[in-house]
């Protein structure tokens, strides 16, 4: 199983990812560590990233997901994945990109059975307070509004587990473990 921990900046993706990685012994791929230097500099200046800025980053995370899936391993990937197209790139790489040469190309399915998005959600004010309080992160709290503006919450058919961040990290982790166990029991019975 691959869990992609997603949501706007400041929602607790890295905290949850670290907690789950330590608890489950799964590898954790922190998306921030894969941003090109130019992206980090841009966000540090308070400039939102464009889709073009994000593309190489998303494709690199896609390669990690493919590698982990092909090895049969469980893994955690932290990535904001704010738009549906970003989530499709994570799943399908460049095949998810619209092609100008083939306008009626067949769309990939919205989900892959062993990849789930853990959508950490909360309201703007709550997350903004968290961001103002945190230290040492390159993402400016001024960019939070732009993230909420572009956020396309995932739909059920995208294999999503929505998680309310007002709950504690151990409570959220318990829900994820229950989800994991129920998915594994279902796959063993088929």
N, C-alpha and C. Protein backbone atom coordinates (compact mmCIF):
# COMPACT_ATOMS: atom_id res chain seq x y z
N UNK A 1 0.85 -1.18 0.00
CA UNK A 1 0.00 0.00 0.00
C UNK A 1 0.90 1.23 0.00
N UNK A 2 0.53 2.20 -0.82
CA UNK A 2 1.19 3.49 -0.82
C UNK A 2 0.17 4.51 -0.33
N UNK A 3 0.52 5.23 0.72
CA UNK A 3 -0.32 6.31 1.21
C UNK A 3 0.36 7.63 0.86
N UNK A 4 -0.37 8.48 0.13
CA UNK A 4 0.11 9.82 -0.19
C UNK A 4 -0.60 10.77 0.77
N UNK A 5 0.17 11.38 1.65
CA UNK A 5 -0.37 12.28 2.65
C UNK A 5 -0.43 13.67 2.02
N UNK A 6 -1.66 14.19 1.87
CA UNK A 6 -1.86 15.41 1.09
C UNK A 6 -2.66 16.45 1.86
N UNK A 7 -2.55 17.68 1.39
CA UNK A 7 -3.30 18.80 1.95
C UNK A 7 -2.48 20.07 1.82
N UNK A 8 -3.07 21.17 2.22
CA UNK A 8 -2.38 22.45 2.13
C UNK A 8 -1.22 22.50 3.11
N UNK A 9 -0.33 23.44 2.90
CA UNK A 9 0.80 23.63 3.79
C UNK A 9 0.29 23.93 5.20
N UNK A 10 0.96 23.36 6.19
CA UNK A 10 0.60 23.61 7.58
C UNK A 10 -0.47 22.70 8.15
N UNK A 11 -0.98 21.75 7.34
CA UNK A 11 -2.05 20.88 7.84
C UNK A 11 -1.52 19.70 8.64
N UNK A 12 -0.20 19.49 8.65
CA UNK A 12 0.38 18.41 9.46
C UNK A 12 0.84 17.20 8.68
N UNK A 13 1.07 17.36 7.38
CA UNK A 13 1.48 16.22 6.55
C UNK A 13 2.78 15.60 7.05
N UNK A 14 3.79 16.42 7.27
CA UNK A 14 5.10 15.90 7.68
C UNK A 14 5.05 15.28 9.07
N UNK A 15 4.31 15.92 9.98
CA UNK A 15 4.18 15.39 11.34
C UNK A 15 3.52 14.02 11.31
N UNK A 16 2.42 13.90 10.56
CA UNK A 16 1.73 12.61 10.46
C UNK A 16 2.62 11.58 9.76
N UNK A 17 3.29 12.00 8.68
CA UNK A 17 4.16 11.07 7.96
C UNK A 17 5.26 10.51 8.85
N UNK A 18 5.90 11.37 9.62
CA UNK A 18 6.97 10.93 10.53
C UNK A 18 6.41 9.98 11.58
N UNK A 19 5.27 10.32 12.15
CA UNK A 19 4.64 9.48 13.16
C UNK A 19 4.33 8.09 12.59
N UNK A 20 3.69 8.06 11.42
CA UNK A 20 3.33 6.78 10.80
C UNK A 20 4.57 5.97 10.42
N UNK A 21 5.58 6.63 9.88
CA UNK A 21 6.79 5.95 9.47
C UNK A 21 7.46 5.26 10.67
N UNK A 22 7.54 5.98 11.79
CA UNK A 22 8.13 5.41 13.00
C UNK A 22 7.27 4.28 13.56
N UNK A 23 5.96 4.46 13.55
CA UNK A 23 5.04 3.46 14.11
C UNK A 23 4.97 2.19 13.26
N UNK A 24 4.93 2.36 11.93
CA UNK A 24 4.74 1.22 11.03
C UNK A 24 6.04 0.67 10.47
N UNK A 25 7.11 1.45 10.56
CA UNK A 25 8.39 1.02 9.98
C UNK A 25 8.42 1.14 8.46
N UNK A 26 7.58 1.99 7.90
CA UNK A 26 7.52 2.19 6.45
C UNK A 26 8.46 3.32 6.05
N UNK A 27 9.02 3.27 4.85
CA UNK A 27 9.81 4.41 4.39
C UNK A 27 8.91 5.63 4.17
N UNK A 28 9.48 6.80 4.46
CA UNK A 28 8.78 8.06 4.29
C UNK A 28 9.53 8.90 3.26
N UNK A 29 8.82 9.34 2.24
CA UNK A 29 9.38 10.22 1.23
C UNK A 29 8.74 11.60 1.42
N UNK A 30 9.49 12.50 2.01
CA UNK A 30 9.02 13.85 2.31
C UNK A 30 9.13 14.68 1.03
N UNK A 31 7.97 15.04 0.48
CA UNK A 31 7.94 15.76 -0.80
C UNK A 31 8.79 17.02 -0.82
N UNK A 32 8.84 17.75 0.30
CA UNK A 32 9.63 18.98 0.33
C UNK A 32 11.10 18.73 -0.01
N UNK A 33 11.59 17.55 0.32
CA UNK A 33 13.00 17.23 0.06
C UNK A 33 13.30 17.02 -1.42
N UNK A 34 12.27 16.94 -2.24
CA UNK A 34 12.46 16.68 -3.67
C UNK A 34 12.21 17.91 -4.54
N UNK A 35 11.84 19.03 -3.90
CA UNK A 35 11.65 20.28 -4.66
C UNK A 35 13.00 20.76 -5.20
N UNK A 36 13.03 21.21 -6.44
CA UNK A 36 14.26 21.86 -6.93
C UNK A 36 14.53 23.12 -6.11
N UNK A 37 15.78 23.50 -6.05
CA UNK A 37 16.21 24.68 -5.29
C UNK A 37 15.43 25.93 -5.70
N UNK A 38 15.16 26.06 -7.00
CA UNK A 38 14.43 27.23 -7.50
C UNK A 38 13.02 27.31 -6.89
N UNK A 39 12.36 26.16 -6.73
CA UNK A 39 11.03 26.15 -6.13
C UNK A 39 11.07 26.63 -4.68
N UNK A 40 12.06 26.13 -3.93
CA UNK A 40 12.17 26.50 -2.52
C UNK A 40 12.46 28.00 -2.40
N UNK A 41 13.35 28.51 -3.25
CA UNK A 41 13.65 29.95 -3.23
C UNK A 41 12.41 30.77 -3.55
N UNK A 42 11.65 30.32 -4.52
CA UNK A 42 10.43 31.03 -4.93
C UNK A 42 9.42 31.07 -3.77
N UNK A 43 9.18 29.90 -3.14
CA UNK A 43 8.23 29.85 -2.02
C UNK A 43 8.74 30.67 -0.84
N UNK A 44 10.04 30.66 -0.61
CA UNK A 44 10.63 31.45 0.49
C UNK A 44 10.39 32.94 0.29
N UNK A 45 10.32 33.36 -0.96
CA UNK A 45 10.05 34.78 -1.27
C UNK A 45 8.55 35.10 -1.21
N UNK A 46 7.72 34.07 -0.94
CA UNK A 46 6.27 34.29 -0.87
C UNK A 46 5.58 34.20 -2.21
N UNK A 47 6.27 33.62 -3.21
CA UNK A 47 5.68 33.49 -4.55
C UNK A 47 5.09 32.09 -4.72
N UNK A 48 3.82 31.98 -5.12
CA UNK A 48 3.24 30.67 -5.36
C UNK A 48 3.90 29.97 -6.55
N UNK A 49 4.00 28.66 -6.48
CA UNK A 49 4.53 27.88 -7.60
C UNK A 49 3.48 27.78 -8.70
N UNK A 50 3.95 27.72 -9.93
CA UNK A 50 3.07 27.49 -11.07
C UNK A 50 3.00 25.98 -11.35
N UNK A 51 2.08 25.58 -12.19
CA UNK A 51 2.01 24.17 -12.59
C UNK A 51 3.33 23.74 -13.22
N UNK A 52 3.94 24.63 -14.01
CA UNK A 52 5.22 24.31 -14.66
C UNK A 52 6.32 24.10 -13.63
N UNK A 53 6.31 24.91 -12.55
CA UNK A 53 7.28 24.74 -11.47
C UNK A 53 7.13 23.37 -10.80
N UNK A 54 5.88 22.94 -10.65
CA UNK A 54 5.61 21.71 -9.91
C UNK A 54 5.86 20.44 -10.73
N UNK A 55 5.79 20.52 -12.04
CA UNK A 55 5.83 19.32 -12.88
C UNK A 55 7.05 18.43 -12.63
N UNK A 56 8.30 18.92 -12.66
CA UNK A 56 9.44 18.02 -12.44
C UNK A 56 9.40 17.37 -11.05
N UNK A 57 8.92 18.12 -10.07
CA UNK A 57 8.79 17.63 -8.70
C UNK A 57 7.77 16.49 -8.64
N UNK A 58 6.61 16.70 -9.25
CA UNK A 58 5.57 15.67 -9.25
C UNK A 58 6.04 14.41 -10.00
N UNK A 59 6.76 14.60 -11.10
CA UNK A 59 7.25 13.44 -11.86
C UNK A 59 8.29 12.66 -11.06
N UNK A 60 9.11 13.35 -10.28
CA UNK A 60 10.07 12.64 -9.44
C UNK A 60 9.36 11.84 -8.35
N UNK A 61 8.32 12.41 -7.75
CA UNK A 61 7.55 11.67 -6.75
C UNK A 61 6.82 10.50 -7.40
N UNK A 62 6.34 10.67 -8.63
CA UNK A 62 5.72 9.57 -9.37
C UNK A 62 6.71 8.40 -9.51
N UNK A 63 7.95 8.70 -9.86
CA UNK A 63 8.97 7.65 -10.01
C UNK A 63 9.17 6.89 -8.71
N UNK A 64 9.14 7.60 -7.59
CA UNK A 64 9.28 6.95 -6.28
C UNK A 64 8.10 6.02 -6.03
N UNK A 65 6.90 6.48 -6.33
CA UNK A 65 5.69 5.67 -6.14
C UNK A 65 5.76 4.41 -7.00
N UNK A 66 6.16 4.55 -8.26
CA UNK A 66 6.29 3.40 -9.16
C UNK A 66 7.31 2.40 -8.60
N UNK A 67 8.45 2.91 -8.15
CA UNK A 67 9.51 2.05 -7.60
C UNK A 67 8.99 1.27 -6.39
N UNK A 68 8.32 1.95 -5.48
CA UNK A 68 7.81 1.29 -4.27
C UNK A 68 6.70 0.29 -4.62
N UNK A 69 5.82 0.65 -5.53
CA UNK A 69 4.75 -0.28 -5.93
C UNK A 69 5.34 -1.52 -6.58
N UNK A 70 6.33 -1.35 -7.46
CA UNK A 70 6.89 -2.50 -8.17
C UNK A 70 7.68 -3.41 -7.24
N UNK A 71 8.17 -2.88 -6.12
CA UNK A 71 8.87 -3.72 -5.16
C UNK A 71 7.90 -4.42 -4.20
N UNK A 72 6.63 -4.03 -4.27
CA UNK A 72 5.63 -4.63 -3.38
C UNK A 72 5.68 -4.09 -1.97
N UNK A 73 6.39 -2.99 -1.77
CA UNK A 73 6.56 -2.41 -0.44
C UNK A 73 5.41 -1.48 -0.08
N UNK A 74 5.25 -1.29 1.22
CA UNK A 74 4.38 -0.24 1.73
C UNK A 74 5.24 1.00 1.87
N UNK A 75 4.67 2.19 1.63
CA UNK A 75 5.44 3.42 1.76
C UNK A 75 4.51 4.60 1.97
N UNK A 76 5.10 5.67 2.47
CA UNK A 76 4.40 6.93 2.70
C UNK A 76 5.07 8.01 1.86
N UNK A 77 4.24 8.82 1.20
CA UNK A 77 4.75 9.94 0.40
C UNK A 77 4.00 11.19 0.86
N UNK A 78 4.74 12.24 1.19
CA UNK A 78 4.14 13.50 1.59
C UNK A 78 4.19 14.44 0.40
N UNK A 79 3.01 14.90 -0.02
CA UNK A 79 2.92 15.80 -1.17
C UNK A 79 1.60 16.55 -1.07
N UNK A 80 1.62 17.85 -1.27
CA UNK A 80 0.39 18.64 -1.14
C UNK A 80 -0.71 18.14 -2.09
N UNK A 81 -0.37 17.79 -3.33
CA UNK A 81 -1.32 17.21 -4.29
C UNK A 81 -2.65 17.97 -4.33
N UNK A 82 -2.56 19.28 -4.44
CA UNK A 82 -3.74 20.13 -4.30
C UNK A 82 -4.76 20.00 -5.42
N UNK A 83 -4.31 19.75 -6.64
CA UNK A 83 -5.22 19.65 -7.78
C UNK A 83 -5.33 18.21 -8.26
N UNK A 84 -6.46 17.92 -8.89
CA UNK A 84 -6.66 16.58 -9.43
C UNK A 84 -5.56 16.21 -10.42
N UNK A 85 -5.15 17.14 -11.28
CA UNK A 85 -4.11 16.83 -12.27
C UNK A 85 -2.80 16.47 -11.57
N UNK A 86 -2.50 17.10 -10.44
CA UNK A 86 -1.28 16.76 -9.70
C UNK A 86 -1.37 15.32 -9.18
N UNK A 87 -2.55 14.95 -8.69
CA UNK A 87 -2.74 13.58 -8.18
C UNK A 87 -2.64 12.57 -9.31
N UNK A 88 -3.14 12.94 -10.49
CA UNK A 88 -3.03 12.05 -11.64
C UNK A 88 -1.58 11.90 -12.08
N UNK A 89 -0.81 12.98 -12.02
CA UNK A 89 0.61 12.90 -12.37
C UNK A 89 1.34 12.01 -11.37
N UNK A 90 1.00 12.11 -10.09
CA UNK A 90 1.61 11.22 -9.09
C UNK A 90 1.34 9.76 -9.42
N UNK A 91 0.14 9.47 -9.89
CA UNK A 91 -0.24 8.09 -10.21
C UNK A 91 0.31 7.62 -11.56
N UNK A 92 0.23 8.47 -12.59
CA UNK A 92 0.50 8.03 -13.96
C UNK A 92 1.66 8.73 -14.65
N UNK A 93 2.30 9.66 -13.96
CA UNK A 93 3.44 10.36 -14.57
C UNK A 93 3.01 11.19 -15.76
N UNK A 94 3.86 11.27 -16.77
CA UNK A 94 3.59 12.13 -17.93
C UNK A 94 2.40 11.64 -18.75
N UNK A 95 1.97 10.38 -18.56
CA UNK A 95 0.77 9.91 -19.27
C UNK A 95 -0.48 10.69 -18.86
N UNK A 96 -0.45 11.33 -17.69
CA UNK A 96 -1.60 12.09 -17.20
C UNK A 96 -1.69 13.48 -17.82
N UNK A 97 -0.61 13.92 -18.44
CA UNK A 97 -0.60 15.27 -19.02
C UNK A 97 -1.43 15.32 -20.28
N UNK A 98 -2.20 16.41 -20.44
CA UNK A 98 -2.97 16.56 -21.69
C UNK A 98 -2.01 16.62 -22.88
N UNK A 99 -2.33 15.90 -23.91
CA UNK A 99 -1.47 15.86 -25.09
C UNK A 99 -2.10 16.66 -26.22
N UNK A 100 -1.35 17.60 -26.74
CA UNK A 100 -1.89 18.42 -27.84
C UNK A 100 -1.98 17.62 -29.14
N UNK A 101 -1.17 16.55 -29.24
CA UNK A 101 -1.20 15.76 -30.48
C UNK A 101 -2.38 14.79 -30.52
N UNK A 102 -2.95 14.49 -29.38
CA UNK A 102 -4.05 13.53 -29.33
C UNK A 102 -5.14 14.04 -28.39
N UNK A 103 -6.00 14.96 -28.87
CA UNK A 103 -6.99 15.56 -27.98
C UNK A 103 -8.01 14.57 -27.42
N UNK A 104 -8.30 13.48 -28.14
CA UNK A 104 -9.25 12.51 -27.61
C UNK A 104 -8.55 11.29 -27.01
N UNK A 105 -7.38 11.50 -26.42
CA UNK A 105 -6.70 10.37 -25.79
C UNK A 105 -7.54 9.85 -24.63
N UNK A 106 -7.43 8.57 -24.37
CA UNK A 106 -8.20 7.95 -23.31
C UNK A 106 -7.66 8.38 -21.96
N UNK A 107 -8.57 8.77 -21.07
CA UNK A 107 -8.18 9.18 -19.72
C UNK A 107 -7.85 7.96 -18.86
N UNK A 108 -6.83 8.11 -18.02
CA UNK A 108 -6.50 7.06 -17.05
C UNK A 108 -7.58 7.05 -15.97
N UNK A 109 -7.78 5.90 -15.30
CA UNK A 109 -8.73 5.89 -14.17
C UNK A 109 -8.26 6.86 -13.08
N UNK A 110 -9.19 7.31 -12.25
CA UNK A 110 -8.85 8.27 -11.21
C UNK A 110 -8.09 7.63 -10.05
N UNK A 111 -8.02 6.31 -10.00
CA UNK A 111 -7.40 5.66 -8.85
C UNK A 111 -6.65 4.40 -9.28
N UNK A 112 -5.70 4.03 -8.43
CA UNK A 112 -4.98 2.77 -8.53
C UNK A 112 -5.28 2.04 -7.23
N UNK A 113 -5.66 0.76 -7.28
CA UNK A 113 -6.16 0.08 -6.08
C UNK A 113 -5.25 0.13 -4.85
N UNK A 114 -3.94 0.11 -5.01
CA UNK A 114 -3.06 0.06 -3.84
C UNK A 114 -2.42 1.40 -3.51
N UNK A 115 -3.00 2.50 -4.03
CA UNK A 115 -2.51 3.84 -3.70
C UNK A 115 -3.70 4.64 -3.18
N UNK A 116 -3.54 5.19 -1.97
CA UNK A 116 -4.59 5.99 -1.35
C UNK A 116 -4.06 7.36 -0.99
N UNK A 117 -4.94 8.35 -1.12
CA UNK A 117 -4.63 9.71 -0.70
C UNK A 117 -5.21 9.92 0.70
N UNK A 118 -4.36 10.30 1.63
CA UNK A 118 -4.80 10.67 2.97
C UNK A 118 -4.94 12.19 2.97
N UNK A 119 -6.18 12.67 2.88
CA UNK A 119 -6.45 14.10 2.73
C UNK A 119 -6.64 14.73 4.10
N UNK A 120 -5.63 15.48 4.55
CA UNK A 120 -5.70 16.19 5.82
C UNK A 120 -6.40 17.53 5.56
N UNK A 121 -7.56 17.71 6.19
CA UNK A 121 -8.31 18.93 5.94
C UNK A 121 -8.63 19.67 7.24
N UNK A 122 -8.77 20.97 7.11
CA UNK A 122 -9.14 21.83 8.21
C UNK A 122 -9.44 23.21 7.66
N UNK A 123 -9.92 24.11 8.52
CA UNK A 123 -10.27 25.42 7.99
C UNK A 123 -9.06 26.35 7.96
N UNK A 124 -9.19 27.40 7.17
CA UNK A 124 -8.09 28.33 6.92
C UNK A 124 -7.52 28.91 8.21
N UNK A 125 -8.39 29.43 9.09
CA UNK A 125 -7.91 30.10 10.31
C UNK A 125 -7.11 29.16 11.20
N UNK A 126 -7.59 27.95 11.36
CA UNK A 126 -6.90 26.95 12.19
C UNK A 126 -5.51 26.65 11.63
N UNK A 127 -5.43 26.44 10.34
CA UNK A 127 -4.14 26.11 9.70
C UNK A 127 -3.23 27.33 9.69
N UNK A 128 -3.79 28.51 9.45
CA UNK A 128 -2.97 29.73 9.45
C UNK A 128 -2.32 29.93 10.82
N UNK A 129 -3.06 29.70 11.90
CA UNK A 129 -2.49 29.81 13.25
C UNK A 129 -1.32 28.86 13.43
N UNK A 130 -1.46 27.64 12.93
CA UNK A 130 -0.36 26.66 13.00
C UNK A 130 0.88 27.17 12.26
N UNK A 131 0.65 27.70 11.05
CA UNK A 131 1.78 28.15 10.23
C UNK A 131 2.50 29.33 10.87
N UNK A 132 1.76 30.25 11.46
CA UNK A 132 2.38 31.40 12.11
C UNK A 132 3.25 30.93 13.28
N UNK A 133 2.82 29.88 13.97
CA UNK A 133 3.54 29.39 15.15
C UNK A 133 4.78 28.56 14.80
N UNK A 134 4.83 27.97 13.61
CA UNK A 134 5.96 27.09 13.30
C UNK A 134 7.19 27.89 12.88
N UNK A 135 8.34 27.30 13.12
CA UNK A 135 9.61 27.97 12.82
C UNK A 135 10.44 27.10 11.89
N UNK A 136 11.25 27.77 11.06
CA UNK A 136 12.24 27.06 10.27
C UNK A 136 11.73 26.40 9.01
N UNK A 137 10.51 26.69 8.58
CA UNK A 137 10.00 26.11 7.34
C UNK A 137 10.04 27.17 6.25
N UNK A 138 10.40 26.75 5.04
CA UNK A 138 10.56 27.72 3.94
C UNK A 138 9.24 28.27 3.43
N UNK A 139 8.15 27.56 3.66
CA UNK A 139 6.85 27.98 3.12
C UNK A 139 6.28 29.13 3.95
N UNK A 140 6.08 30.25 3.31
CA UNK A 140 5.55 31.43 3.98
C UNK A 140 4.06 31.25 4.25
N UNK A 141 3.62 31.69 5.43
CA UNK A 141 2.18 31.60 5.74
C UNK A 141 1.35 32.47 4.81
N UNK A 142 2.01 33.45 4.16
CA UNK A 142 1.30 34.30 3.19
C UNK A 142 0.81 33.50 1.98
N UNK A 143 1.41 32.34 1.73
CA UNK A 143 1.01 31.53 0.57
C UNK A 143 -0.17 30.60 0.87
N UNK A 144 -0.59 30.54 2.13
CA UNK A 144 -1.67 29.62 2.49
C UNK A 144 -2.95 29.92 1.71
N UNK A 145 -3.30 31.20 1.58
CA UNK A 145 -4.54 31.54 0.85
C UNK A 145 -4.48 31.02 -0.57
N UNK A 146 -3.32 31.15 -1.23
CA UNK A 146 -3.21 30.67 -2.62
C UNK A 146 -3.39 29.15 -2.68
N UNK A 147 -2.96 28.45 -1.63
CA UNK A 147 -3.15 27.00 -1.62
C UNK A 147 -4.63 26.64 -1.47
N UNK A 148 -5.33 27.33 -0.59
CA UNK A 148 -6.77 27.10 -0.45
C UNK A 148 -7.50 27.45 -1.75
N UNK A 149 -7.03 28.49 -2.44
CA UNK A 149 -7.68 28.91 -3.69
C UNK A 149 -7.58 27.85 -4.78
N UNK A 150 -6.46 27.14 -4.86
CA UNK A 150 -6.29 26.14 -5.93
C UNK A 150 -6.70 24.73 -5.49
N UNK A 151 -6.95 24.54 -4.20
CA UNK A 151 -7.28 23.20 -3.70
C UNK A 151 -8.53 22.64 -4.37
N UNK A 152 -8.38 21.44 -4.94
CA UNK A 152 -9.51 20.67 -5.46
C UNK A 152 -9.59 19.42 -4.59
N UNK A 153 -10.45 19.45 -3.55
CA UNK A 153 -10.50 18.30 -2.65
C UNK A 153 -10.75 17.01 -3.44
N UNK A 154 -10.04 15.95 -3.08
CA UNK A 154 -10.21 14.70 -3.82
C UNK A 154 -11.60 14.10 -3.60
N UNK A 155 -12.07 13.40 -4.62
CA UNK A 155 -13.37 12.75 -4.58
C UNK A 155 -13.19 11.29 -4.16
N UNK A 156 -14.27 10.66 -3.71
CA UNK A 156 -14.21 9.26 -3.27
C UNK A 156 -13.58 8.34 -4.32
N UNK A 157 -13.90 8.59 -5.59
CA UNK A 157 -13.38 7.70 -6.65
C UNK A 157 -11.87 7.85 -6.87
N UNK A 158 -11.23 8.78 -6.14
CA UNK A 158 -9.78 8.93 -6.22
C UNK A 158 -9.06 8.13 -5.12
N UNK A 159 -9.77 7.24 -4.45
CA UNK A 159 -9.19 6.49 -3.33
C UNK A 159 -8.68 7.45 -2.27
N UNK A 160 -9.61 8.12 -1.62
CA UNK A 160 -9.24 9.11 -0.61
C UNK A 160 -9.78 8.70 0.75
N UNK A 161 -8.99 8.97 1.76
CA UNK A 161 -9.41 8.84 3.14
C UNK A 161 -9.32 10.24 3.74
N UNK A 162 -10.47 10.95 3.89
CA UNK A 162 -10.42 12.30 4.45
C UNK A 162 -10.19 12.24 5.96
N UNK A 163 -9.30 13.10 6.47
CA UNK A 163 -8.92 13.08 7.88
C UNK A 163 -8.96 14.49 8.44
N UNK A 164 -9.80 14.70 9.44
CA UNK A 164 -9.98 16.01 10.07
C UNK A 164 -8.79 16.30 10.99
N UNK A 165 -8.07 17.39 10.73
CA UNK A 165 -6.85 17.67 11.49
C UNK A 165 -7.12 18.25 12.87
N UNK A 166 -8.37 18.45 13.24
CA UNK A 166 -8.65 18.88 14.61
C UNK A 166 -8.43 17.73 15.59
N UNK A 167 -8.34 16.51 15.06
CA UNK A 167 -8.06 15.34 15.91
C UNK A 167 -6.56 15.23 16.13
N UNK A 168 -6.17 14.44 17.13
CA UNK A 168 -4.74 14.27 17.43
C UNK A 168 -4.09 13.36 16.39
N UNK A 169 -2.78 13.48 16.27
CA UNK A 169 -2.03 12.64 15.33
C UNK A 169 -2.23 11.15 15.67
N UNK A 170 -2.15 10.74 16.95
CA UNK A 170 -2.40 9.31 17.25
C UNK A 170 -3.81 8.85 16.85
N UNK A 171 -4.81 9.71 17.00
CA UNK A 171 -6.18 9.34 16.59
C UNK A 171 -6.25 9.17 15.07
N UNK A 172 -5.64 10.08 14.35
CA UNK A 172 -5.63 9.99 12.88
C UNK A 172 -4.88 8.74 12.45
N UNK A 173 -3.74 8.47 13.10
CA UNK A 173 -2.95 7.28 12.76
C UNK A 173 -3.75 6.00 13.01
N UNK A 174 -4.53 5.97 14.07
CA UNK A 174 -5.36 4.79 14.36
C UNK A 174 -6.37 4.56 13.24
N UNK A 175 -6.98 5.64 12.73
CA UNK A 175 -7.93 5.50 11.63
C UNK A 175 -7.23 4.98 10.38
N UNK A 176 -6.03 5.44 10.12
CA UNK A 176 -5.27 4.97 8.96
C UNK A 176 -4.90 3.50 9.11
N UNK A 177 -4.48 3.10 10.31
CA UNK A 177 -4.15 1.69 10.54
C UNK A 177 -5.37 0.80 10.35
N UNK A 178 -6.52 1.25 10.82
CA UNK A 178 -7.77 0.49 10.63
C UNK A 178 -8.07 0.36 9.14
N UNK A 179 -7.89 1.45 8.41
CA UNK A 179 -8.11 1.43 6.96
C UNK A 179 -7.16 0.44 6.29
N UNK A 180 -5.90 0.50 6.66
CA UNK A 180 -4.89 -0.40 6.08
C UNK A 180 -5.24 -1.87 6.34
N UNK A 181 -5.58 -2.17 7.57
CA UNK A 181 -5.92 -3.56 7.91
C UNK A 181 -7.16 -4.03 7.17
N UNK A 182 -8.17 -3.17 7.04
CA UNK A 182 -9.39 -3.57 6.32
C UNK A 182 -9.10 -3.78 4.84
N UNK A 183 -8.24 -2.97 4.25
CA UNK A 183 -7.87 -3.14 2.83
C UNK A 183 -7.08 -4.42 2.64
N UNK A 184 -6.18 -4.72 3.55
CA UNK A 184 -5.36 -5.93 3.42
C UNK A 184 -6.18 -7.20 3.61
N UNK A 185 -7.14 -7.16 4.55
CA UNK A 185 -8.00 -8.33 4.73
C UNK A 185 -8.85 -8.54 3.48
N UNK A 186 -9.34 -7.46 2.90
CA UNK A 186 -10.15 -7.56 1.67
C UNK A 186 -9.35 -8.12 0.52
N UNK A 187 -8.07 -7.74 0.41
CA UNK A 187 -7.27 -8.22 -0.72
C UNK A 187 -6.86 -9.68 -0.53
N UNK A 188 -6.75 -10.13 0.72
CA UNK A 188 -6.41 -11.54 0.95
C UNK A 188 -7.59 -12.47 0.67
N UNK A 189 -8.82 -11.93 0.82
CA UNK A 189 -10.01 -12.76 0.63
C UNK A 189 -10.36 -12.91 -0.84
N UNK A 190 -9.81 -12.08 -1.71
CA UNK A 190 -10.17 -12.17 -3.13
C UNK A 190 -9.25 -13.09 -3.88
